[in-house]
Amino acid sequence: MTTNIYFSALKTSMTAINAALYVVFGGFTNLGIVVYGVRFWPAVIVPAVFAVLFGPLVGGLGAAIGIFIADVVYGHGNALLSIIVGVPANFIAFWIIGYAKRKFSWRKYFILAFAGLAAGSVYIGISLWAFTQFFISYLGSNWGIVLGLSAALWTFVSEIPFLILVVPIVVKACHQAFPELLSGNSDIEAG
């Protein structure tokens, strides 16, 4: 019983830390670059690292909470847009990436990083298009599907370098500092 409580408390606290760091790091790296309504967002490093180290729920839920706060506080400020577009997209992307934790390998991580970000990006593109069909936002109204899919492409292309180039460095550093994270995986050092 104690073990279950410990893991529940650990996952809850790691989810909160993930969300908080996502907001803070997002604020520091917010360069004001916005394409098709989507910010240039190096902060994806944070929930990706938490997803790899602590699993899908910590990665997905922390990213969803973090992006909502970031959108409302210093992003576009439209809570409804964030709930419909950003929150589910972040949850989907980092939930998928979190499956890298199970029987971890770098090959598996790279496949899931591409798949998770692709799924989240496509969701962003389609839901931005749908949102503009029903609501007027800072994006304007009645986007065509091509503009929505352009937003998806921008999201993927602007974020995948961070997931591929930076996350492995951070995960390796975390593993060296705390070997029990992803313990038993010699592939951490080999990647």
Protein backbone atom coordinates (compact mmCIF):
# COMPACT_ATOMS: atom_id res chain seq x y z
CA MET A 1 0.00 0.00 0.00
CA THR A 2 2.82 2.41 0.83
CA THR A 3 4.40 1.87 -2.59
CA ASN A 4 1.19 2.85 -4.42
CA ILE A 5 0.82 6.00 -2.35
CA TYR A 6 4.46 6.87 -3.02
CA PHE A 7 4.08 6.47 -6.76
CA SER A 8 0.83 8.42 -6.77
CA ALA A 9 2.44 11.25 -4.84
CA LEU A 10 5.52 11.14 -7.07
CA LYS A 11 3.48 11.25 -10.27
CA THR A 12 1.27 14.04 -8.93
CA SER A 13 4.24 16.16 -7.90
CA MET A 14 6.11 15.47 -11.15
CA THR A 15 3.00 16.48 -13.14
CA ALA A 16 2.82 19.76 -11.22
CA ILE A 17 6.55 20.42 -11.67
CA ASN A 18 6.26 19.56 -15.38
CA ALA A 19 3.40 22.05 -15.82
CA ALA A 20 5.18 24.78 -13.85
CA LEU A 21 8.47 24.38 -15.70
CA TYR A 22 6.62 24.30 -19.03
CA VAL A 23 5.05 27.68 -18.22
CA VAL A 24 8.26 29.25 -16.91
CA PHE A 25 10.54 27.89 -19.66
CA GLY A 26 7.91 28.86 -22.22
CA GLY A 27 7.96 32.41 -20.90
CA PHE A 28 11.75 32.64 -21.06
CA THR A 29 11.90 31.23 -24.59
CA ASN A 30 8.89 33.13 -25.95
CA LEU A 31 10.48 35.20 -28.71
CA GLY A 32 7.18 36.53 -30.01
CA ILE A 33 7.43 34.46 -33.20
CA VAL A 34 3.91 33.38 -34.15
CA VAL A 35 3.09 31.62 -37.42
CA TYR A 36 -0.50 30.64 -38.25
CA GLY A 37 -1.46 31.37 -34.66
CA VAL A 38 1.16 28.98 -33.23
CA ARG A 39 4.14 30.26 -31.21
CA PHE A 40 7.71 29.17 -31.83
CA TRP A 41 7.92 26.92 -28.80
CA PRO A 42 11.27 25.45 -27.64
CA ALA A 43 9.58 24.72 -24.31
CA VAL A 44 8.39 21.36 -25.71
CA ILE A 45 11.64 20.08 -24.24
CA VAL A 46 10.14 20.16 -20.75
CA PRO A 47 7.11 17.86 -21.11
CA ALA A 48 9.06 15.55 -23.44
CA VAL A 49 11.70 14.99 -20.76
CA PHE A 50 9.04 14.41 -18.10
CA ALA A 51 7.17 12.04 -20.44
CA VAL A 52 10.31 9.96 -21.03
CA LEU A 53 11.32 9.89 -17.37
CA PHE A 54 7.90 9.50 -15.72
CA GLY A 55 5.54 8.15 -18.39
CA PRO A 56 2.53 9.17 -20.47
CA LEU A 57 0.26 10.55 -17.76
CA VAL A 58 2.90 12.84 -16.24
CA GLY A 59 4.01 14.02 -19.69
CA GLY A 60 0.54 14.51 -21.16
CA LEU A 61 -1.24 16.00 -18.18
CA GLY A 62 1.66 18.32 -17.25
CA ALA A 63 1.86 19.58 -20.84
CA ALA A 64 -1.92 20.15 -21.01
CA ILE A 65 -2.00 22.13 -17.76
CA GLY A 66 1.17 24.04 -18.64
CA ILE A 67 0.06 25.10 -22.12
CA PHE A 68 -3.29 26.31 -20.77
CA ILE A 69 -1.60 28.53 -18.20
CA ALA A 70 0.97 29.77 -20.75
CA ASP A 71 -1.72 30.54 -23.36
CA VAL A 72 -3.83 32.51 -20.90
CA VAL A 73 -1.03 34.34 -19.07
CA TYR A 74 1.29 35.43 -21.89
CA GLY A 75 0.03 33.74 -25.04
CA HIS A 76 -3.07 34.64 -27.02
CA GLY A 77 -5.17 34.98 -23.87
CA ASN A 78 -8.13 33.03 -25.27
CA ALA A 79 -8.99 30.31 -22.74
CA LEU A 80 -11.58 28.69 -25.02
CA LEU A 81 -9.07 28.44 -27.88
CA SER A 82 -6.55 26.89 -25.51
CA ILE A 83 -9.03 24.34 -24.15
CA ILE A 84 -10.19 23.32 -27.64
CA VAL A 85 -6.82 23.39 -29.44
CA GLY A 86 -3.72 23.61 -27.25
CA VAL A 87 -4.68 21.50 -24.24
CA PRO A 88 -5.77 18.36 -26.16
CA ALA A 89 -2.92 18.68 -28.68
CA ASN A 90 -0.32 18.84 -25.92
CA PHE A 91 -1.93 16.00 -23.99
CA ILE A 92 -2.01 13.78 -27.11
CA ALA A 93 1.57 14.56 -28.17
CA PHE A 94 3.23 14.02 -24.81
CA TRP A 95 1.02 11.07 -23.85
CA ILE A 96 2.31 9.27 -26.94
CA ILE A 97 5.92 10.31 -26.28
CA GLY A 98 5.57 9.01 -22.72
CA TYR A 99 5.31 5.45 -23.97
CA ALA A 100 9.06 5.63 -24.63
CA LYS A 101 9.51 4.99 -20.89
CA ARG A 102 8.33 1.40 -21.26
CA LYS A 103 11.32 -0.73 -22.23
CA PHE A 104 13.18 2.42 -23.16
CA SER A 105 15.40 2.68 -26.23
CA TRP A 106 16.48 5.72 -28.21
CA ARG A 107 15.04 4.21 -31.38
CA LYS A 108 11.66 3.89 -29.66
CA TYR A 109 11.92 7.45 -28.32
CA PHE A 110 12.66 8.94 -31.77
CA ILE A 111 9.74 7.05 -33.35
CA LEU A 112 7.37 8.14 -30.58
CA ALA A 113 8.66 11.73 -30.68
CA PHE A 114 7.86 11.91 -34.40
CA ALA A 115 4.50 10.14 -33.96
CA GLY A 116 3.46 12.14 -30.89
CA LEU A 117 4.41 15.50 -32.35
CA ALA A 118 2.78 14.59 -35.67
CA ALA A 119 -0.47 13.62 -33.91
CA GLY A 120 -0.46 16.78 -31.79
CA SER A 121 0.40 18.97 -34.79
CA VAL A 122 -2.35 17.50 -36.98
CA TYR A 123 -4.80 17.99 -34.12
CA ILE A 124 -3.71 21.65 -33.90
CA GLY A 125 -4.20 22.19 -37.63
CA ILE A 126 -7.62 20.56 -37.82
CA SER A 127 -8.92 22.07 -34.59
CA LEU A 128 -7.68 25.56 -35.50
CA TRP A 129 -9.54 25.27 -38.77
CA ALA A 130 -12.68 24.01 -36.97
CA PHE A 131 -12.38 26.70 -34.28
CA THR A 132 -12.38 29.46 -36.89
CA GLN A 133 -15.53 28.02 -38.44
CA PHE A 134 -17.48 28.60 -35.22
CA PHE A 135 -15.65 31.28 -33.23
CA ILE A 136 -13.98 34.55 -34.09
CA SER A 137 -10.57 34.75 -32.51
CA TYR A 138 -7.36 36.67 -32.93
CA LEU A 139 -6.80 34.34 -35.88
CA GLY A 140 -9.67 35.83 -37.83
CA SER A 141 -12.56 33.70 -39.02
CA ASN A 142 -13.18 31.04 -41.63
CA TRP A 143 -9.74 29.64 -42.19
CA GLY A 144 -9.48 27.22 -45.04
CA ILE A 145 -8.30 23.69 -44.30
CA VAL A 146 -5.03 24.46 -46.13
CA LEU A 147 -4.27 27.21 -43.61
CA GLY A 148 -5.08 24.81 -40.78
CA LEU A 149 -2.77 22.16 -42.17
CA SER A 150 -0.10 24.84 -42.68
CA ALA A 151 -0.36 25.52 -38.94
CA ALA A 152 0.14 21.79 -38.35
CA LEU A 153 3.21 21.74 -40.58
CA TRP A 154 4.69 24.83 -38.86
CA THR A 155 4.11 23.27 -35.44
CA PHE A 156 5.84 20.03 -36.41
CA VAL A 157 8.78 21.60 -38.27
CA SER A 158 9.48 24.20 -35.58
CA GLU A 159 9.33 21.77 -32.63
CA ILE A 160 10.83 18.48 -33.85
CA PRO A 161 14.44 19.74 -33.71
CA PHE A 162 14.07 20.34 -29.97
CA LEU A 163 12.65 16.87 -29.39
CA ILE A 164 15.37 15.20 -31.45
CA LEU A 165 18.44 17.27 -30.56
CA VAL A 166 17.89 18.61 -27.04
CA VAL A 167 15.69 16.10 -25.19
CA PRO A 168 18.25 13.24 -25.46
CA ILE A 169 20.94 15.47 -23.89
CA VAL A 170 18.66 16.42 -20.99
CA VAL A 171 17.44 12.84 -20.45
CA LYS A 172 21.05 11.58 -20.37
CA ALA A 173 21.99 14.28 -17.85
CA CYS A 174 18.99 13.42 -15.66
CA HIS A 175 19.89 9.72 -15.85
CA GLN A 176 23.49 10.46 -14.82
CA ALA A 177 22.34 12.61 -11.90
CA PHE A 178 19.61 10.15 -10.88
CA PRO A 179 20.48 6.66 -12.19
CA GLU A 180 17.22 5.22 -10.83
CA LEU A 181 15.39 7.16 -13.55
CA LEU A 182 15.04 4.71 -16.42
CA SER A 183 17.15 2.25 -14.42
CA GLY A 184 18.39 -0.84 -16.18
CA ASN A 185 18.61 0.90 -19.55
CA SER A 186 22.15 0.91 -20.86
CA ASP A 187 20.73 2.41 -24.06
CA ILE A 188 20.55 5.81 -22.30
CA GLU A 189 24.31 6.27 -22.56
CA ALA A 190 24.52 4.73 -26.05
CA GLY A 191 22.09 7.13 -27.78
